[in-house]
Amino acid sequence: MKSMAILMAFVFVLLAGCSNQNTNPIIGTWQLVDGKVLTSDTTFTYPGNSNGNHWKIITKSHFATIYQDTTSNTILSTGFNGGTYTYIDGIYTEKFTHSSISNRQLGTSLYFKANVDGDKLILSPCLKDGTEKATGNFEEYKRLD
């Protein structure tokens, strides 16, 4: 009887570990449906709207973005970024390890409040501690996978 209890405890621990393998809701391939950068005096929209496509690919430990200009059907030379990320308590932090936009971006981080609602990923800028910001990148994606 004692060995049966030990076996059942082992099976329980094994199954509990298996059920937590992919609890990160932001992992996937996402296509931007609405993207804008707000500054104190201007608003800039970017691919994902009428002038192009923008995809974000998030794995267990890395992210990458690709931008395509649909007016010329070309991938933009400034359209590749990526690096590592963390997702803790609803705060999604991107740390850039490569960028075709600017070397100034390398080693920097962007902080977002991340909300997954069905097949939508909504990112809004925040500070490192999660305090919301009125300026920065605001992005809404739809899940492709």
N, C-alpha and C. Protein backbone atom coordinates (compact mmCIF):
# COMPACT_ATOMS: atom_id res chain seq x y z
N MET A 1 0.81 -1.19 0.00
CA MET A 1 0.00 0.00 0.00
C MET A 1 0.86 1.26 0.00
N LYS A 2 1.96 1.22 0.76
CA LYS A 2 2.85 2.37 0.83
C LYS A 2 3.48 2.65 -0.54
N SER A 3 3.87 1.60 -1.25
CA SER A 3 4.47 1.80 -2.57
C SER A 3 3.45 2.36 -3.55
N MET A 4 2.17 1.98 -3.41
CA MET A 4 1.12 2.52 -4.27
C MET A 4 0.94 4.02 -4.02
N ALA A 5 1.00 4.43 -2.76
CA ALA A 5 0.88 5.85 -2.43
C ALA A 5 2.06 6.64 -2.99
N ILE A 6 3.25 6.09 -2.93
CA ILE A 6 4.44 6.75 -3.49
C ILE A 6 4.31 6.85 -5.00
N LEU A 7 3.85 5.76 -5.64
CA LEU A 7 3.66 5.78 -7.10
C LEU A 7 2.63 6.82 -7.50
N MET A 8 1.52 6.90 -6.78
CA MET A 8 0.48 7.89 -7.08
C MET A 8 1.01 9.32 -6.89
N ALA A 9 1.79 9.55 -5.85
CA ALA A 9 2.38 10.87 -5.63
C ALA A 9 3.32 11.23 -6.78
N PHE A 10 4.12 10.27 -7.24
CA PHE A 10 5.05 10.50 -8.36
C PHE A 10 4.28 10.85 -9.63
N VAL A 11 3.21 10.09 -9.92
CA VAL A 11 2.39 10.35 -11.11
C VAL A 11 1.76 11.74 -11.02
N PHE A 12 1.26 12.11 -9.84
CA PHE A 12 0.66 13.43 -9.65
C PHE A 12 1.66 14.54 -9.94
N VAL A 13 2.88 14.44 -9.40
CA VAL A 13 3.92 15.45 -9.63
C VAL A 13 4.29 15.51 -11.09
N LEU A 14 4.40 14.36 -11.75
CA LEU A 14 4.73 14.31 -13.17
C LEU A 14 3.66 14.99 -14.01
N LEU A 15 2.40 14.67 -13.75
CA LEU A 15 1.31 15.29 -14.50
C LEU A 15 1.19 16.78 -14.22
N ALA A 16 1.39 17.19 -13.00
CA ALA A 16 1.34 18.62 -12.67
C ALA A 16 2.42 19.38 -13.41
N GLY A 17 3.61 18.81 -13.53
CA GLY A 17 4.69 19.45 -14.27
C GLY A 17 4.39 19.56 -15.74
N CYS A 18 3.77 18.55 -16.31
CA CYS A 18 3.43 18.56 -17.74
C CYS A 18 2.36 19.59 -18.06
N SER A 19 1.43 19.82 -17.15
CA SER A 19 0.34 20.74 -17.44
C SER A 19 0.79 22.19 -17.44
N ASN A 20 1.96 22.51 -16.90
CA ASN A 20 2.43 23.89 -16.85
C ASN A 20 3.44 24.23 -17.95
N GLN A 21 3.58 23.37 -18.96
CA GLN A 21 4.63 23.57 -19.94
C GLN A 21 4.41 24.80 -20.81
N ASN A 22 3.21 25.17 -21.15
CA ASN A 22 3.00 26.33 -22.00
C ASN A 22 1.87 27.18 -21.45
N THR A 23 2.11 27.83 -20.34
CA THR A 23 1.10 28.69 -19.75
C THR A 23 1.33 30.15 -20.12
N ASN A 24 2.31 30.43 -20.96
CA ASN A 24 2.61 31.79 -21.38
C ASN A 24 1.72 32.15 -22.57
N PRO A 25 0.69 32.97 -22.37
CA PRO A 25 -0.27 33.24 -23.44
C PRO A 25 0.26 34.11 -24.58
N ILE A 26 1.42 34.73 -24.42
CA ILE A 26 1.92 35.60 -25.49
C ILE A 26 2.79 34.86 -26.50
N ILE A 27 3.14 33.61 -26.23
CA ILE A 27 3.93 32.84 -27.20
C ILE A 27 3.09 32.61 -28.44
N GLY A 28 3.66 32.90 -29.61
CA GLY A 28 2.95 32.69 -30.86
C GLY A 28 3.43 33.63 -31.93
N THR A 29 2.72 33.59 -33.05
CA THR A 29 2.97 34.49 -34.17
C THR A 29 1.79 35.44 -34.25
N TRP A 30 2.10 36.73 -34.28
CA TRP A 30 1.08 37.77 -34.20
C TRP A 30 1.21 38.74 -35.37
N GLN A 31 0.09 39.19 -35.91
CA GLN A 31 0.10 40.21 -36.96
C GLN A 31 -0.54 41.48 -36.42
N LEU A 32 0.17 42.59 -36.62
CA LEU A 32 -0.30 43.88 -36.12
C LEU A 32 -1.56 44.30 -36.87
N VAL A 33 -2.57 44.73 -36.13
CA VAL A 33 -3.77 45.28 -36.74
C VAL A 33 -3.89 46.78 -36.46
N ASP A 34 -3.22 47.25 -35.43
CA ASP A 34 -3.22 48.68 -35.12
C ASP A 34 -1.95 49.02 -34.37
N GLY A 35 -1.15 49.92 -34.92
CA GLY A 35 0.07 50.34 -34.26
C GLY A 35 0.28 51.83 -34.38
N LYS A 36 0.65 52.43 -33.27
CA LYS A 36 0.92 53.87 -33.31
C LYS A 36 1.93 54.22 -32.22
N VAL A 37 2.66 55.27 -32.49
CA VAL A 37 3.58 55.84 -31.51
C VAL A 37 3.03 57.21 -31.16
N LEU A 38 2.79 57.43 -29.89
CA LEU A 38 2.33 58.73 -29.42
C LEU A 38 3.48 59.44 -28.73
N THR A 39 3.73 60.68 -29.14
CA THR A 39 4.68 61.52 -28.43
C THR A 39 3.88 62.68 -27.85
N SER A 40 4.55 63.59 -27.21
CA SER A 40 3.82 64.72 -26.61
C SER A 40 3.17 65.62 -27.65
N ASP A 41 3.66 65.58 -28.91
CA ASP A 41 3.10 66.49 -29.91
C ASP A 41 2.72 65.84 -31.24
N THR A 42 2.84 64.53 -31.37
CA THR A 42 2.50 63.91 -32.65
C THR A 42 2.07 62.45 -32.46
N THR A 43 1.40 61.94 -33.48
CA THR A 43 1.03 60.53 -33.54
C THR A 43 1.54 59.98 -34.86
N PHE A 44 2.20 58.84 -34.80
CA PHE A 44 2.74 58.18 -35.98
C PHE A 44 2.19 56.77 -36.03
N THR A 45 1.54 56.41 -37.15
CA THR A 45 1.09 55.03 -37.31
C THR A 45 2.11 54.28 -38.14
N TYR A 46 2.16 52.97 -37.98
CA TYR A 46 3.17 52.19 -38.70
C TYR A 46 2.60 50.89 -39.21
N PRO A 47 3.41 50.19 -40.03
CA PRO A 47 2.90 49.00 -40.72
C PRO A 47 2.04 48.13 -39.83
N GLY A 48 0.98 47.66 -40.46
CA GLY A 48 -0.07 46.94 -39.76
C GLY A 48 -1.36 47.66 -40.06
N ASN A 49 -1.20 48.87 -40.58
CA ASN A 49 -2.34 49.66 -40.99
C ASN A 49 -2.43 49.59 -42.51
N SER A 50 -2.74 50.67 -43.19
CA SER A 50 -2.96 50.64 -44.63
C SER A 50 -1.67 50.55 -45.45
N ASN A 51 -0.51 50.86 -44.86
CA ASN A 51 0.72 50.92 -45.65
C ASN A 51 1.63 49.71 -45.49
N GLY A 52 1.22 48.71 -44.74
CA GLY A 52 2.12 47.58 -44.61
C GLY A 52 1.67 46.54 -43.61
N ASN A 53 2.52 45.56 -43.45
CA ASN A 53 2.29 44.48 -42.50
C ASN A 53 3.42 44.46 -41.49
N HIS A 54 3.11 44.01 -40.31
CA HIS A 54 4.07 43.93 -39.22
C HIS A 54 3.73 42.66 -38.45
N TRP A 55 4.74 41.80 -38.28
CA TRP A 55 4.54 40.57 -37.53
C TRP A 55 5.47 40.55 -36.33
N LYS A 56 5.00 39.98 -35.24
CA LYS A 56 5.81 39.76 -34.05
C LYS A 56 5.76 38.27 -33.75
N ILE A 57 6.92 37.67 -33.64
CA ILE A 57 7.03 36.25 -33.34
C ILE A 57 7.64 36.13 -31.95
N ILE A 58 6.94 35.44 -31.05
CA ILE A 58 7.38 35.31 -29.67
C ILE A 58 7.53 33.82 -29.36
N THR A 59 8.74 33.44 -28.96
CA THR A 59 9.01 32.06 -28.56
C THR A 59 9.09 32.01 -27.03
N LYS A 60 9.62 30.93 -26.49
CA LYS A 60 9.73 30.82 -25.03
C LYS A 60 10.68 31.86 -24.44
N SER A 61 11.67 32.32 -25.22
CA SER A 61 12.66 33.24 -24.65
C SER A 61 13.01 34.43 -25.54
N HIS A 62 12.59 34.44 -26.79
CA HIS A 62 12.98 35.49 -27.73
C HIS A 62 11.77 36.05 -28.48
N PHE A 63 11.98 37.25 -29.03
CA PHE A 63 10.97 37.85 -29.89
C PHE A 63 11.68 38.37 -31.14
N ALA A 64 10.93 38.51 -32.22
CA ALA A 64 11.45 39.11 -33.44
C ALA A 64 10.30 39.82 -34.13
N THR A 65 10.60 40.92 -34.81
CA THR A 65 9.60 41.65 -35.58
C THR A 65 10.07 41.78 -37.02
N ILE A 66 9.11 41.76 -37.93
CA ILE A 66 9.37 41.92 -39.36
C ILE A 66 8.33 42.89 -39.89
N TYR A 67 8.77 43.85 -40.71
CA TYR A 67 7.88 44.82 -41.32
C TYR A 67 7.92 44.67 -42.84
N GLN A 68 6.75 44.74 -43.49
CA GLN A 68 6.66 44.66 -44.94
C GLN A 68 5.88 45.86 -45.45
N ASP A 69 6.43 46.54 -46.46
CA ASP A 69 5.74 47.64 -47.12
C ASP A 69 4.85 47.03 -48.21
N THR A 70 3.54 47.11 -48.04
CA THR A 70 2.64 46.49 -49.02
C THR A 70 2.46 47.33 -50.27
N THR A 71 2.88 48.59 -50.25
CA THR A 71 2.77 49.39 -51.47
C THR A 71 3.81 48.96 -52.50
N SER A 72 4.98 48.49 -52.04
CA SER A 72 6.01 48.00 -52.96
C SER A 72 6.24 46.50 -52.81
N ASN A 73 5.50 45.87 -51.90
CA ASN A 73 5.60 44.44 -51.62
C ASN A 73 7.03 44.01 -51.28
N THR A 74 7.72 44.84 -50.51
CA THR A 74 9.09 44.53 -50.10
C THR A 74 9.19 44.54 -48.59
N ILE A 75 10.13 43.75 -48.10
CA ILE A 75 10.44 43.79 -46.68
C ILE A 75 11.28 45.03 -46.43
N LEU A 76 10.94 45.83 -45.46
CA LEU A 76 11.66 47.08 -45.19
C LEU A 76 13.03 46.79 -44.62
N SER A 77 14.05 47.49 -45.11
CA SER A 77 15.41 47.28 -44.60
C SER A 77 15.53 47.71 -43.14
N THR A 78 14.63 48.55 -42.69
CA THR A 78 14.63 48.95 -41.28
C THR A 78 13.61 48.15 -40.48
N GLY A 79 13.19 47.01 -41.03
CA GLY A 79 12.09 46.29 -40.43
C GLY A 79 12.41 45.05 -39.65
N PHE A 80 13.62 44.91 -39.17
CA PHE A 80 13.97 43.72 -38.40
C PHE A 80 14.47 44.13 -37.03
N ASN A 81 13.87 43.57 -36.01
CA ASN A 81 14.28 43.81 -34.63
C ASN A 81 14.09 42.51 -33.86
N GLY A 82 14.78 42.41 -32.76
CA GLY A 82 14.54 41.23 -31.93
C GLY A 82 15.46 41.20 -30.74
N GLY A 83 15.26 40.18 -29.96
CA GLY A 83 16.07 39.98 -28.78
C GLY A 83 15.41 39.05 -27.80
N THR A 84 15.69 39.26 -26.55
CA THR A 84 15.11 38.46 -25.49
C THR A 84 13.96 39.22 -24.86
N TYR A 85 13.15 38.51 -24.10
CA TYR A 85 12.05 39.18 -23.42
C TYR A 85 11.75 38.47 -22.11
N THR A 86 11.02 39.17 -21.27
CA THR A 86 10.43 38.56 -20.09
C THR A 86 8.94 38.90 -20.09
N TYR A 87 8.18 38.04 -19.45
CA TYR A 87 6.75 38.29 -19.28
C TYR A 87 6.41 37.88 -17.86
N ILE A 88 6.30 38.88 -17.00
CA ILE A 88 6.09 38.63 -15.57
C ILE A 88 4.94 39.51 -15.08
N ASP A 89 3.94 38.88 -14.49
CA ASP A 89 2.80 39.59 -13.92
C ASP A 89 2.18 40.58 -14.89
N GLY A 90 2.04 40.19 -16.17
CA GLY A 90 1.40 41.04 -17.16
C GLY A 90 2.29 42.10 -17.76
N ILE A 91 3.56 42.16 -17.35
CA ILE A 91 4.50 43.13 -17.91
C ILE A 91 5.40 42.40 -18.90
N TYR A 92 5.34 42.84 -20.15
CA TYR A 92 6.13 42.27 -21.24
C TYR A 92 7.30 43.23 -21.51
N THR A 93 8.52 42.75 -21.34
CA THR A 93 9.72 43.58 -21.50
C THR A 93 10.56 43.03 -22.64
N GLU A 94 10.78 43.85 -23.66
CA GLU A 94 11.64 43.48 -24.78
C GLU A 94 13.02 44.09 -24.57
N LYS A 95 14.07 43.27 -24.69
CA LYS A 95 15.44 43.76 -24.65
C LYS A 95 16.07 43.48 -26.01
N PHE A 96 16.46 44.56 -26.69
CA PHE A 96 16.94 44.45 -28.07
C PHE A 96 18.38 43.97 -28.13
N THR A 97 18.57 42.84 -28.84
CA THR A 97 19.92 42.32 -29.09
C THR A 97 20.30 42.48 -30.55
N HIS A 98 19.33 42.75 -31.41
CA HIS A 98 19.62 43.06 -32.81
C HIS A 98 18.54 44.00 -33.35
N SER A 99 18.96 44.88 -34.25
CA SER A 99 18.04 45.86 -34.80
C SER A 99 18.59 46.41 -36.11
N SER A 100 17.73 46.47 -37.11
CA SER A 100 18.13 47.11 -38.36
C SER A 100 17.76 48.59 -38.37
N ILE A 101 17.12 49.06 -37.32
CA ILE A 101 16.71 50.46 -37.25
C ILE A 101 17.87 51.34 -36.83
N SER A 102 18.51 51.00 -35.72
CA SER A 102 19.57 51.85 -35.20
C SER A 102 20.38 51.09 -34.17
N ASN A 103 21.70 51.30 -34.18
CA ASN A 103 22.54 50.70 -33.15
C ASN A 103 22.22 51.27 -31.78
N ARG A 104 21.62 52.47 -31.73
CA ARG A 104 21.24 53.06 -30.44
C ARG A 104 20.21 52.21 -29.71
N GLN A 105 19.47 51.40 -30.46
CA GLN A 105 18.43 50.58 -29.86
C GLN A 105 19.01 49.34 -29.17
N LEU A 106 20.19 48.90 -29.59
CA LEU A 106 20.79 47.69 -29.03
C LEU A 106 21.03 47.84 -27.54
N GLY A 107 20.63 46.83 -26.79
CA GLY A 107 20.81 46.84 -25.34
C GLY A 107 19.73 47.59 -24.58
N THR A 108 18.83 48.26 -25.30
CA THR A 108 17.76 48.99 -24.62
C THR A 108 16.56 48.07 -24.42
N SER A 109 15.65 48.49 -23.58
CA SER A 109 14.44 47.71 -23.30
C SER A 109 13.20 48.57 -23.46
N LEU A 110 12.14 47.94 -23.91
CA LEU A 110 10.81 48.55 -23.94
C LEU A 110 9.92 47.76 -22.99
N TYR A 111 9.08 48.47 -22.26
CA TYR A 111 8.20 47.85 -21.28
C TYR A 111 6.75 48.07 -21.71
N PHE A 112 5.95 47.00 -21.64
CA PHE A 112 4.55 47.06 -22.03
C PHE A 112 3.69 46.33 -21.01
N LYS A 113 2.49 46.85 -20.82
CA LYS A 113 1.45 46.05 -20.18
C LYS A 113 0.89 45.19 -21.30
N ALA A 114 0.83 43.90 -21.08
CA ALA A 114 0.35 42.97 -22.10
C ALA A 114 -0.96 42.35 -21.67
N ASN A 115 -1.92 42.36 -22.57
CA ASN A 115 -3.21 41.76 -22.30
C ASN A 115 -3.58 40.86 -23.48
N VAL A 116 -3.81 39.59 -23.20
CA VAL A 116 -4.27 38.66 -24.22
C VAL A 116 -5.76 38.45 -24.00
N ASP A 117 -6.53 38.73 -25.05
CA ASP A 117 -7.98 38.57 -24.98
C ASP A 117 -8.40 37.75 -26.20
N GLY A 118 -8.58 36.45 -26.01
CA GLY A 118 -8.90 35.57 -27.14
C GLY A 118 -7.73 35.52 -28.09
N ASP A 119 -7.94 35.95 -29.34
CA ASP A 119 -6.87 35.95 -30.33
C ASP A 119 -6.22 37.32 -30.48
N LYS A 120 -6.40 38.20 -29.50
CA LYS A 120 -5.80 39.54 -29.53
C LYS A 120 -4.72 39.68 -28.48
N LEU A 121 -3.63 40.34 -28.86
CA LEU A 121 -2.57 40.74 -27.94
C LEU A 121 -2.52 42.25 -27.97
N ILE A 122 -2.76 42.87 -26.83
CA ILE A 122 -2.77 44.33 -26.75
C ILE A 122 -1.60 44.75 -25.87
N LEU A 123 -0.71 45.58 -26.45
CA LEU A 123 0.46 46.08 -25.73
C LEU A 123 0.33 47.58 -25.57
N SER A 124 0.50 48.05 -24.35
CA SER A 124 0.50 49.49 -24.10
C SER A 124 1.73 49.83 -23.27
N PRO A 125 2.34 50.98 -23.55
CA PRO A 125 3.62 51.31 -22.91
C PRO A 125 3.47 51.54 -21.41
N CYS A 126 4.51 51.15 -20.70
CA CYS A 126 4.54 51.38 -19.27
C CYS A 126 5.99 51.53 -18.83
N LEU A 127 6.15 51.92 -17.58
CA LEU A 127 7.47 51.97 -16.98
C LEU A 127 7.85 50.58 -16.48
N LYS A 128 9.08 50.43 -16.08
CA LYS A 128 9.58 49.14 -15.60
C LYS A 128 8.71 48.57 -14.47
N ASP A 129 8.17 49.45 -13.64
CA ASP A 129 7.36 49.00 -12.50
C ASP A 129 5.89 48.77 -12.87
N GLY A 130 5.53 48.95 -14.16
CA GLY A 130 4.17 48.73 -14.61
C GLY A 130 3.29 49.96 -14.65
N THR A 131 3.81 51.11 -14.22
CA THR A 131 3.04 52.35 -14.28
C THR A 131 2.78 52.71 -15.75
N GLU A 132 1.52 52.92 -16.09
CA GLU A 132 1.15 53.22 -17.47
C GLU A 132 1.72 54.56 -17.92
N LYS A 133 2.04 54.62 -19.23
CA LYS A 133 2.53 55.85 -19.84
C LYS A 133 1.52 56.33 -20.89
N ALA A 134 1.47 57.65 -21.08
CA ALA A 134 0.58 58.22 -22.09
C ALA A 134 1.25 58.30 -23.45
N THR A 135 2.57 58.13 -23.49
CA THR A 135 3.31 58.19 -24.74
C THR A 135 4.06 56.87 -24.94
N GLY A 136 4.39 56.60 -26.19
CA GLY A 136 5.12 55.38 -26.52
C GLY A 136 4.39 54.58 -27.58
N ASN A 137 4.76 53.31 -27.71
CA ASN A 137 4.19 52.43 -28.72
C ASN A 137 2.93 51.75 -28.17
N PHE A 138 1.85 51.88 -28.90
CA PHE A 138 0.60 51.21 -28.59
C PHE A 138 0.33 50.24 -29.73
N GLU A 139 0.18 48.96 -29.42
CA GLU A 139 0.08 47.95 -30.47
C GLU A 139 -1.03 46.95 -30.15
N GLU A 140 -1.78 46.58 -31.19
CA GLU A 140 -2.77 45.53 -31.07
C GLU A 140 -2.52 44.52 -32.19
N TYR A 141 -2.40 43.25 -31.81
CA TYR A 141 -2.11 42.17 -32.74
C TYR A 141 -3.22 41.15 -32.75
N LYS A 142 -3.32 40.41 -33.86
CA LYS A 142 -4.19 39.24 -33.90
C LYS A 142 -3.30 38.01 -34.02
N ARG A 143 -3.69 36.94 -33.37
CA ARG A 143 -2.91 35.70 -33.37
C ARG A 143 -3.06 35.01 -34.72
N LEU A 144 -1.90 34.58 -35.26
CA LEU A 144 -1.91 33.82 -36.49
C LEU A 144 -1.79 32.32 -36.24
N ASP A 145 -1.25 31.93 -35.10
CA ASP A 145 -1.16 30.50 -34.77
C ASP A 145 -1.61 30.24 -33.36
